[in-house]
Amino acid sequence: MTIDFKGCHYPKHVILYAVFFYVRYAVSYRDLEEIMAERGVEVDHSTLNRWVVEFSPLIATQAQKRKQKPAVSWRMDETYIKVKGKWTYYYRAIDKFGKTLDFMLSEKRDEAAATAFFARAIGNNGFPDRVVIDKSGANLAGLENMNCMLILNGWYWLIEVLQVKYLNNIIEQDHRFIKKLTKQMKGFKSFTAASATLDGIEVAHMIRKKQFGASGQSAFQQFAALAG
């Protein structure tokens, strides 16, 4: 599937360059406006923001479809992202080798949010054999809901749930790249903008992890290829 850039007043490669530069290096929109101007492209910072919000989720959707098949042993955890001066909850999952599986921003940290995240992650990656989580009761309940669904659908095996903190160190370390970039952004003004920007950051992170098997291509080339 190719992302539609019809109606945009700038060439596709210009838009993708701006979006990639922002989600990979976390410059401010006003700084990015100056960077683009130095490259001969006059574009307002508000337009740059609109590009990130509009196109990052679309590129992330393509990334989910094209990434390499993950392992069946997962690590799941949530971290915190500030939106409009308040903390929100950012659910993330990686496999045992550190490859990104899925991510979801939520205004709440409860059973419903955990269940929604696991349903999304399984929808994008298939069922895991086991999932390592922390001591969160909400996350445990979310996985138990997934197992209930398996039972109701006549499956004869269930997801093994391990609540072992030291086994989750790998995902806690993986949060750092995301937190480093969002810290430089100094918070988000809306939930939609936060979620969209995080989509783009995660794709850039997946490229760093070589999850698309595109040897010989630069990081930007891989990012642009996801747009079709």
Foldseek 3Di string as FASTA:
>chain_A
DFADPPPDPDDPLLLLVLLLCCLAPVDQLVVSQVVVVVVVDHDDSVVNLVSLLPCLVLLLVLCLVQFDAAAQEKEKEWDWAAAQNDTWIKIFMHHLVLAGQDIDIGRDDALVVLLVRVVVSCVSHNHHQEYEYAPDPSNVSSQVVVQVVCVVVPHPHGYHYHHDVVSNVSVVVVCVQVCVSSVSNVHHHDPSSVRSSSSSNSLLVNVVVVRNVDPPDDSSRVSSVSND
